C-alpha atoms as a PDB file:
ATOM      1  CA  MET A   1      92.051 125.486 103.353  1.00  0.00           C
ATOM      2  CA  ASN A   2      88.255 124.889 103.491  1.00  0.00           C
ATOM      3  CA  ILE A   3      87.634 121.263 103.324  1.00  0.00           C
ATOM      4  CA  ILE A   4      84.118 119.432 103.130  1.00  0.00           C
ATOM      5  CA  VAL A   5      83.913 115.719 104.212  1.00  0.00           C
ATOM      6  CA  CYS A   6      81.076 113.696 103.372  1.00  0.00           C
ATOM      7  CA  ILE A   7      80.188 110.995 105.804  1.00  0.00           C
ATOM      8  CA  LYS A   8      77.334 108.397 106.227  1.00  0.00           C
ATOM      9  CA  GLN A   9      75.699 106.449 109.012  1.00  0.00           C
ATOM     10  CA  VAL A  10      75.792 102.641 108.449  1.00  0.00           C
ATOM     11  CA  PRO A  11      74.772  99.689 110.717  1.00  0.00           C
ATOM     12  CA  ASP A  12      77.512  98.258 112.687  1.00  0.00           C
ATOM     13  CA  THR A  13      77.009  94.555 111.801  1.00  0.00           C
ATOM     14  CA  THR A  14      77.770  92.165 109.283  1.00  0.00           C
ATOM     15  CA  ASP A  15      74.417  90.317 109.902  1.00  0.00           C
ATOM     16  CA  VAL A  16      72.369  92.579 107.688  1.00  0.00           C
ATOM     17  CA  LYS A  17      68.615  92.068 107.856  1.00  0.00           C
ATOM     18  CA  ILE A  18      66.214  93.014 105.210  1.00  0.00           C
ATOM     19  CA  ASN A  19      62.540  94.066 105.505  1.00  0.00           C
ATOM     20  CA  PRO A  20      60.810  91.691 102.791  1.00  0.00           C
ATOM     21  CA  GLU A  21      58.089  94.095 102.333  1.00  0.00           C
ATOM     22  CA  THR A  22      60.074  97.449 101.906  1.00  0.00           C
ATOM     23  CA  ASN A  23      63.253  95.832 100.450  1.00  0.00           C
ATOM     24  CA  THR A  24      65.059  98.006 102.895  1.00  0.00           C
ATOM     25  CA  LEU A  25      67.793  97.751 105.570  1.00  0.00           C
ATOM     26  CA  VAL A  26      66.327  96.741 109.219  1.00  0.00           C
ATOM     27  CA  ARG A  27      68.009  99.337 111.342  1.00  0.00           C
ATOM     28  CA  ASP A  28      65.849  98.929 114.545  1.00  0.00           C
ATOM     29  CA  GLY A  29      67.844  97.479 117.429  1.00  0.00           C
ATOM     30  CA  VAL A  30      70.992  97.853 115.400  1.00  0.00           C
ATOM     31  CA  LYS A  31      73.904 100.171 116.301  1.00  0.00           C
ATOM     32  CA  SER A  32      74.955 102.777 113.733  1.00  0.00           C
ATOM     33  CA  ILE A  33      78.224 104.099 112.997  1.00  0.00           C
ATOM     34  CA  VAL A  34      80.336 106.539 110.620  1.00  0.00           C
ATOM     35  CA  ASN A  35      81.124 104.602 107.716  1.00  0.00           C
ATOM     36  CA  PRO A  36      84.574 103.363 108.141  1.00  0.00           C
ATOM     37  CA  PHE A  37      86.035 104.655 104.862  1.00  0.00           C
ATOM     38  CA  ASP A  38      84.493 108.071 105.722  1.00  0.00           C
ATOM     39  CA  ALA A  39      86.342 107.960 109.191  1.00  0.00           C
ATOM     40  CA  ASN A  40      89.530 107.675 107.022  1.00  0.00           C
ATOM     41  CA  ALA A  41      88.434 110.776 104.878  1.00  0.00           C
ATOM     42  CA  LEU A  42      87.666 112.977 107.913  1.00  0.00           C
ATOM     43  CA  GLU A  43      91.108 111.981 109.383  1.00  0.00           C
ATOM     44  CA  ALA A  44      92.738 113.011 106.231  1.00  0.00           C
ATOM     45  CA  ALA A  45      91.000 116.140 106.234  1.00  0.00           C
ATOM     46  CA  LEU A  46      92.058 116.987 109.825  1.00  0.00           C
ATOM     47  CA  GLN A  47      95.595 116.102 108.974  1.00  0.00           C
ATOM     48  CA  LEU A  48      95.463 118.521 106.106  1.00  0.00           C
ATOM     49  CA  LYS A  49      94.007 121.358 108.203  1.00  0.00           C
ATOM     50  CA  GLU A  50      96.694 120.597 110.920  1.00  0.00           C
ATOM     51  CA  ALA A  51      99.257 121.173 108.122  1.00  0.00           C
ATOM     52  CA  MET A  52      97.774 124.029 106.156  1.00  0.00           C
ATOM     53  CA  GLY A  53      95.179 125.670 108.435  1.00  0.00           C
ATOM     54  CA  GLY A  54      91.743 126.110 107.355  1.00  0.00           C
ATOM     55  CA  LYS A  55      88.593 124.512 108.223  1.00  0.00           C
ATOM     56  CA  VAL A  56      86.884 121.187 108.239  1.00  0.00           C
ATOM     57  CA  THR A  57      83.004 120.722 107.591  1.00  0.00           C
ATOM     58  CA  ALA A  58      81.119 117.390 107.741  1.00  0.00           C
ATOM     59  CA  ILE A  59      77.967 116.895 105.996  1.00  0.00           C
ATOM     60  CA  THR A  60      75.555 113.886 105.656  1.00  0.00           C
ATOM     61  CA  MET A  61      72.264 113.018 104.447  1.00  0.00           C
ATOM     62  CA  GLY A  62      69.874 111.084 106.411  1.00  0.00           C
ATOM     63  CA  PRO A  63      67.144 110.976 109.270  1.00  0.00           C
ATOM     64  CA  PRO A  64      67.518 113.116 112.375  1.00  0.00           C
ATOM     65  CA  GLN A  65      69.461 110.342 114.180  1.00  0.00           C
ATOM     66  CA  ALA A  66      72.450 110.593 111.651  1.00  0.00           C
ATOM     67  CA  MET A  67      72.988 113.856 113.863  1.00  0.00           C
ATOM     68  CA  ASP A  68      75.000 111.389 116.104  1.00  0.00           C
ATOM     69  CA  ILE A  69      77.819 110.639 113.579  1.00  0.00           C
ATOM     70  CA  LEU A  70      78.372 114.472 112.993  1.00  0.00           C
ATOM     71  CA  ARG A  71      78.708 115.075 116.702  1.00  0.00           C
ATOM     72  CA  GLU A  72      81.249 112.232 116.760  1.00  0.00           C
ATOM     73  CA  ALA A  73      82.850 114.236 113.565  1.00  0.00           C
ATOM     74  CA  ILE A  74      82.970 117.318 115.747  1.00  0.00           C
ATOM     75  CA  ALA A  75      84.588 115.499 118.579  1.00  0.00           C
ATOM     76  CA  MET A  76      87.291 114.248 116.376  1.00  0.00           C
ATOM     77  CA  GLY A  77      88.281 117.648 115.269  1.00  0.00           C
ATOM     78  CA  ALA A  78      85.800 118.986 112.501  1.00  0.00           C
ATOM     79  CA  ASP A  79      84.886 122.606 112.914  1.00  0.00           C
ATOM     80  CA  ASP A  80      81.240 122.285 111.524  1.00  0.00           C
ATOM     81  CA  ALA A  81      78.691 120.225 110.412  1.00  0.00           C
ATOM     82  CA  VAL A  82      75.538 119.990 108.361  1.00  0.00           C
ATOM     83  CA  LEU A  83      72.613 117.416 108.323  1.00  0.00           C
ATOM     84  CA  LEU A  84      70.431 117.091 105.201  1.00  0.00           C
ATOM     85  CA  SER A  85      67.387 115.793 106.354  1.00  0.00           C
ATOM     86  CA  ASP A  86      63.835 115.676 104.668  1.00  0.00           C
ATOM     87  CA  ARG A  87      61.372 113.053 103.828  1.00  0.00           C
ATOM     88  CA  ALA A  88      61.763 114.085 100.407  1.00  0.00           C
ATOM     89  CA  PHE A  89      65.199 112.570 100.563  1.00  0.00           C
ATOM     90  CA  ALA A  90      63.970 109.338 101.581  1.00  0.00           C
ATOM     91  CA  GLY A  91      64.687 106.235  99.275  1.00  0.00           C
ATOM     92  CA  ALA A  92      67.216 107.962  97.199  1.00  0.00           C
ATOM     93  CA  ASP A  93      69.714 105.855  94.849  1.00  0.00           C
ATOM     94  CA  THR A  94      73.050 107.029  94.396  1.00  0.00           C
ATOM     95  CA  LEU A  95      72.423 109.521  91.852  1.00  0.00           C
ATOM     96  CA  ALA A  96      69.538 111.191  93.886  1.00  0.00           C
ATOM     97  CA  THR A  97      72.020 111.153  96.906  1.00  0.00           C
ATOM     98  CA  ALA A  98      74.805 112.785  95.102  1.00  0.00           C
ATOM     99  CA  TYR A  99      72.408 115.485  93.621  1.00  0.00           C
ATOM    100  CA  THR A 100      71.171 116.193  97.242  1.00  0.00           C
ATOM    101  CA  LEU A 101      74.730 116.128  98.678  1.00  0.00           C
ATOM    102  CA  ALA A 102      76.009 118.473  95.872  1.00  0.00           C
ATOM    103  CA  MET A 103      73.191 120.764  96.489  1.00  0.00           C
ATOM    104  CA  GLY A 104      74.197 121.049 100.181  1.00  0.00           C
ATOM    105  CA  ILE A 105      77.882 121.699  99.330  1.00  0.00           C
ATOM    106  CA  ARG A 106      76.778 124.527  97.074  1.00  0.00           C
ATOM    107  CA  LYS A 107      74.787 126.169 100.140  1.00  0.00           C
ATOM    108  CA  ILE A 108      77.884 125.869 102.272  1.00  0.00           C
ATOM    109  CA  GLY A 109      79.606 127.687  99.773  1.00  0.00           C
ATOM    110  CA  ASP A 110      83.356 128.160  99.877  1.00  0.00           C
ATOM    111  CA  TYR A 111      85.574 125.075  99.788  1.00  0.00           C
ATOM    112  CA  ASP A 112      89.004 123.995  98.179  1.00  0.00           C
ATOM    113  CA  LEU A 113      88.517 120.104  98.839  1.00  0.00           C
ATOM    114  CA  ILE A 114      85.833 117.553  99.163  1.00  0.00           C
ATOM    115  CA  ILE A 115      86.816 114.367 100.651  1.00  0.00           C
ATOM    116  CA  GLY A 116      84.846 111.104 101.068  1.00  0.00           C
ATOM    117  CA  GLY A 117      85.433 107.362 101.629  1.00  0.00           C
ATOM    118  CA  LYS A 118      85.747 105.313  98.471  1.00  0.00           C
ATOM    119  CA  GLN A 119      82.292 103.579  99.240  1.00  0.00           C
ATOM    120  CA  ALA A 120      79.666 102.998 101.987  1.00  0.00           C
ATOM    121  CA  ILE A 121      80.041  99.445 103.566  1.00  0.00           C
ATOM    122  CA  ASP A 122      76.024  98.976 103.451  1.00  0.00           C
ATOM    123  CA  GLY A 123      76.063  99.811  99.667  1.00  0.00           C
ATOM    124  CA  ASP A 124      79.564  99.325  98.197  1.00  0.00           C
ATOM    125  CA  THR A 125      78.609 101.102  94.968  1.00  0.00           C
ATOM    126  CA  ALA A 126      81.614 103.804  95.100  1.00  0.00           C
ATOM    127  CA  GLN A 127      79.415 105.879  92.932  1.00  0.00           C
ATOM    128  CA  VAL A 128      78.195 108.825  95.291  1.00  0.00           C
ATOM    129  CA  GLY A 129      81.551 110.533  95.404  1.00  0.00           C
ATOM    130  CA  PRO A 130      82.203 110.505  91.685  1.00  0.00           C
ATOM    131  CA  GLY A 131      78.523 111.481  91.450  1.00  0.00           C
ATOM    132  CA  ILE A 132      78.891 114.583  93.686  1.00  0.00           C
ATOM    133  CA  ALA A 133      81.937 115.555  91.753  1.00  0.00           C
ATOM    134  CA  GLU A 134      79.961 115.476  88.359  1.00  0.00           C
ATOM    135  CA  GLN A 135      77.089 117.475  89.919  1.00  0.00           C
ATOM    136  CA  LEU A 136      79.466 120.249  90.883  1.00  0.00           C
ATOM    137  CA  GLY A 137      81.729 120.228  87.615  1.00  0.00           C
ATOM    138  CA  ILE A 138      85.041 119.758  89.668  1.00  0.00           C
ATOM    139  CA  PRO A 139      87.771 117.008  88.943  1.00  0.00           C
ATOM    140  CA  GLN A 140      87.782 113.882  91.103  1.00  0.00           C
ATOM    141  CA  VAL A 141      90.437 111.381  92.157  1.00  0.00           C
ATOM    142  CA  THR A 142      89.483 108.156  93.552  1.00  0.00           C
ATOM    143  CA  TYR A 143      90.936 105.482  95.806  1.00  0.00           C
ATOM    144  CA  ALA A 144      93.632 107.887  97.140  1.00  0.00           C
ATOM    145  CA  ARG A 145      96.184 106.193  99.555  1.00  0.00           C
ATOM    146  CA  ARG A 146      98.037 109.406 100.233  1.00  0.00           C
ATOM    147  CA  MET A 147      97.540 113.243  99.585  1.00  0.00           C
ATOM    148  CA  GLU A 148      99.418 116.284 100.384  1.00  0.00           C
ATOM    149  CA  MET A 149      99.609 119.773  99.080  1.00  0.00           C
ATOM    150  CA  ASP A 150     102.437 120.544  96.780  1.00  0.00           C
ATOM    151  CA  GLY A 151     102.317 124.466  96.328  1.00  0.00           C
ATOM    152  CA  ASP A 152      98.903 125.311  95.101  1.00  0.00           C
ATOM    153  CA  MET A 153      98.268 121.818  93.759  1.00  0.00           C
ATOM    154  CA  LEU A 154      97.155 118.744  95.444  1.00  0.00           C
ATOM    155  CA  LEU A 155      99.481 115.641  94.905  1.00  0.00           C
ATOM    156  CA  VAL A 156      97.537 112.318  95.387  1.00  0.00           C
ATOM    157  CA  GLU A 157      98.869 108.576  95.218  1.00  0.00           C
ATOM    158  CA  ARG A 158      96.209 106.787  93.834  1.00  0.00           C
ATOM    159  CA  MET A 159      95.762 103.077  94.616  1.00  0.00           C
ATOM    160  CA  LEU A 160      95.559 100.537  91.685  1.00  0.00           C
ATOM    161  CA  GLU A 161      95.009  96.685  91.626  1.00  0.00           C
ATOM    162  CA  ASP A 162      98.994  96.272  90.971  1.00  0.00           C
ATOM    163  CA  GLY A 163     100.553  99.365  92.425  1.00  0.00           C
ATOM    164  CA  TYR A 164      99.783 103.023  92.604  1.00  0.00           C
ATOM    165  CA  GLU A 165      99.765 106.159  90.228  1.00  0.00           C
ATOM    166  CA  VAL A 166     100.912 109.498  91.104  1.00  0.00           C
ATOM    167  CA  MET A 167      98.442 112.588  90.156  1.00  0.00           C
ATOM    168  CA  LYS A 168      98.532 116.307  90.544  1.00  0.00           C
ATOM    169  CA  THR A 169      95.272 118.279  90.385  1.00  0.00           C
ATOM    170  CA  ALA A 170      94.166 121.912  90.821  1.00  0.00           C
ATOM    171  CA  LEU A 171      91.801 122.894  93.508  1.00  0.00           C
ATOM    172  CA  PRO A 172      88.803 122.542  93.881  1.00  0.00           C
ATOM    173  CA  VAL A 173      88.604 118.757  93.587  1.00  0.00           C
ATOM    174  CA  LEU A 174      86.767 115.701  95.118  1.00  0.00           C
ATOM    175  CA  VAL A 175      88.976 112.840  96.589  1.00  0.00           C
ATOM    176  CA  THR A 176      87.633 109.429  97.661  1.00  0.00           C
ATOM    177  CA  VAL A 177      90.200 107.730  99.881  1.00  0.00           C
ATOM    178  CA  VAL A 178      90.961 104.082 100.896  1.00  0.00           C
ATOM    179  CA  LYS A 179      91.586 102.650 104.354  1.00  0.00           C
ATOM    180  CA  GLN A 180      95.222 102.397 103.713  1.00  0.00           C
ATOM    181  CA  ILE A 181      95.557 106.164 103.963  1.00  0.00           C
ATOM    182  CA  ASN A 182      95.495 106.838 107.733  1.00  0.00           C
ATOM    183  CA  GLU A 183      94.502 105.294 111.049  1.00  0.00           C
ATOM    184  CA  PRO A 184      91.599 107.757 112.208  1.00  0.00           C
ATOM    185  CA  ARG A 185      91.950 109.265 115.591  1.00  0.00           C
ATOM    186  CA  TYR A 186      89.845 108.824 118.769  1.00  0.00           C
ATOM    187  CA  PRO A 187      87.711 111.722 119.739  1.00  0.00           C
ATOM    188  CA  SER A 188      89.302 113.785 122.585  1.00  0.00           C
ATOM    189  CA  LEU A 189      87.514 114.385 125.918  1.00  0.00           C
ATOM    190  CA  ARG A 190      87.390 118.101 125.148  1.00  0.00           C
ATOM    191  CA  GLY A 191      86.102 117.176 121.594  1.00  0.00           C
ATOM    192  CA  LEU A 192      83.252 115.077 122.832  1.00  0.00           C
ATOM    193  CA  LEU A 193      82.421 117.950 125.294  1.00  0.00           C
ATOM    194  CA  ALA A 194      82.515 120.699 122.606  1.00  0.00           C
ATOM    195  CA  ALA A 195      80.461 118.334 120.373  1.00  0.00           C
ATOM    196  CA  LYS A 196      77.619 118.185 122.891  1.00  0.00           C
ATOM    197  CA  LYS A 197      77.331 121.933 122.746  1.00  0.00           C
ATOM    198  CA  LYS A 198      77.825 122.355 119.059  1.00  0.00           C
ATOM    199  CA  GLU A 199      74.832 123.776 117.070  1.00  0.00           C
ATOM    200  CA  ILE A 200      74.504 121.692 113.915  1.00  0.00           C
ATOM    201  CA  ASN A 201      72.510 122.946 110.784  1.00  0.00           C
ATOM    202  CA  VAL A 202      69.705 121.035 109.780  1.00  0.00           C
ATOM    203  CA  TRP A 203      68.641 121.733 106.048  1.00  0.00           C
ATOM    204  CA  ASN A 204      65.615 120.567 104.326  1.00  0.00           C
ATOM    205  CA  ALA A 205      65.085 120.403 100.673  1.00  0.00           C
ATOM    206  CA  ALA A 206      63.829 124.027 100.312  1.00  0.00           C
ATOM    207  CA  ASP A 207      66.878 125.171 102.440  1.00  0.00           C
ATOM    208  CA  ILE A 208      69.219 124.048  99.779  1.00  0.00           C
ATOM    209  CA  GLY A 209      67.292 124.831  96.675  1.00  0.00           C
ATOM    210  CA  ALA A 210      66.822 121.202  95.835  1.00  0.00           C
ATOM    211  CA  ASP A 211      64.335 120.203  92.994  1.00  0.00           C
ATOM    212  CA  GLU A 212      62.295 117.348  94.826  1.00  0.00           C
ATOM    213  CA  LYS A 213      61.942 115.741  91.558  1.00  0.00           C
ATOM    214  CA  ARG A 214      65.547 115.108  91.643  1.00  0.00           C
ATOM    215  CA  THR A 215      65.558 113.733  95.032  1.00  0.00           C
ATOM    216  CA  GLY A 216      64.725 110.761  97.036  1.00  0.00           C
ATOM    217  CA  LEU A 217      62.637 107.888  95.476  1.00  0.00           C
ATOM    218  CA  THR A 218      60.990 110.231  92.748  1.00  0.00           C
ATOM    219  CA  GLY A 219      64.581 111.258  91.794  1.00  0.00           C
ATOM    220  CA  SER A 220      66.050 107.784  91.572  1.00  0.00           C
ATOM    221  CA  PRO A 221      66.150 106.149  88.056  1.00  0.00           C
ATOM    222  CA  THR A 222      66.990 102.854  89.886  1.00  0.00           C
ATOM    223  CA  ARG A 223      64.858 100.870  92.035  1.00  0.00           C
ATOM    224  CA  VAL A 224      65.543  98.146  94.488  1.00  0.00           C
ATOM    225  CA  VAL A 225      63.285  95.266  93.303  1.00  0.00           C
ATOM    226  CA  ARG A 226      64.298  92.532  95.754  1.00  0.00           C
ATOM    227  CA  ILE A 227      66.921  91.963  98.512  1.00  0.00           C
ATOM    228  CA  PHE A 228      67.616  88.794 100.038  1.00  0.00           C
ATOM    229  CA  THR A 229      70.279  87.002 102.174  1.00  0.00           C
ATOM    230  CA  PRO A 230      71.681  84.159 100.209  1.00  0.00           C
ATOM    231  CA  GLN A 231      71.251  80.752 101.820  1.00  0.00           C
ATOM    232  CA  ARG A 232      74.273  78.816 102.522  1.00  0.00           C
ATOM    233  CA  ASN A 233      73.597  75.166 101.424  1.00  0.00           C
ATOM    234  CA  THR A 234      77.071  74.037 100.651  1.00  0.00           C
ATOM    235  CA  LYS A 235      78.954  71.691 102.902  1.00  0.00           C
ATOM    236  CA  ALA A 236      82.593  70.413 102.675  1.00  0.00           C
ATOM    237  CA  VAL A 237      83.719  66.936 101.209  1.00  0.00           C
ATOM    238  CA  MET A 238      86.836  65.587 102.836  1.00  0.00           C
ATOM    239  CA  LEU A 239      88.991  63.531 100.302  1.00  0.00           C
ATOM    240  CA  GLU A 240      91.118  61.028 101.961  1.00  0.00           C
ATOM    241  CA  GLY A 241      93.473  58.257 100.938  1.00  0.00           C
ATOM    242  CA  GLU A 242      96.637  57.928  98.655  1.00  0.00           C
ATOM    243  CA  PRO A 243      97.572  61.196  96.722  1.00  0.00           C
ATOM    244  CA  GLU A 244      97.006  59.545  93.355  1.00  0.00           C
ATOM    245  CA  LYS A 245      93.715  58.468  94.156  1.00  0.00           C
ATOM    246  CA  THR A 246      92.448  61.554  95.922  1.00  0.00           C
ATOM    247  CA  VAL A 247      93.578  63.541  92.759  1.00  0.00           C
ATOM    248  CA  GLU A 248      91.301  61.526  90.555  1.00  0.00           C
ATOM    249  CA  THR A 249      88.446  61.733  93.017  1.00  0.00           C
ATOM    250  CA  LEU A 250      88.793  65.591  93.010  1.00  0.00           C
ATOM    251  CA  ALA A 251      89.035  65.722  89.131  1.00  0.00           C
ATOM    252  CA  GLU A 252      85.758  63.790  89.139  1.00  0.00           C
ATOM    253  CA  VAL A 253      83.925  66.295  91.512  1.00  0.00           C
ATOM    254  CA  ILE A 254      85.275  69.160  89.735  1.00  0.00           C
ATOM    255  CA  THR A 255      84.110  67.819  86.440  1.00  0.00           C
ATOM    256  CA  LYS A 256      80.508  67.100  87.742  1.00  0.00           C
ATOM    257  CA  LEU A 257      80.359  70.596  89.098  1.00  0.00           C
ATOM    258  CA  ASN A 258      81.489  71.879  85.402  1.00  0.00           C
ATOM    259  CA  VAL A 259      84.011  74.336  86.773  1.00  0.00           C
END
């Protein structure tokens, strides 16, 4: 079974800072990590490879420093990795990102399954995975909390707000996973040594045959007009006294807030 895992490099912080001039994340001085949901996706791929045999390839789109997360994927057990890196990819929204990754996956070629995290923690759109499936013209199953092969079909438990549903799908298919699916493993010492030596493919727009009008900022129909950190200006009000009087006071406060 040939599995491709889409991963993304994200800031390892909840204190996100925005450049007011470019409306982009300030990454200088901020440690980057593998998007946590994508780590679950990689673990799911490795477990399927251990059960079924085959090959796991990690792919990401980003600047040269995104090579770090690909080496981490190799250290965890991925067999191969691809970095899509080109200035033409900069500023991509989810549509342009999905297109670029899909073109990279087409160049990789033979695959049975594509797995990604349900969303990236720095964007929270949950659009890129489904977008890749649409670009490739294959089925998709989102929010998977469990999956296994059942003959030549993939059996997936898909998480819902009030339960789950069980689905079967033919291959090839794209699946996005939630954190409940597994606990990602740590890289082994042998894996870390192998990752340092591994030659990782770096492909630009020409290498994957991408139409630059569909990549990066040029290929993005959406634009970030303004990003800002909300100011916290609320303060707690402590209500004391007898329950009956406190309830009356609370009702007055709520009424004034138009809640």
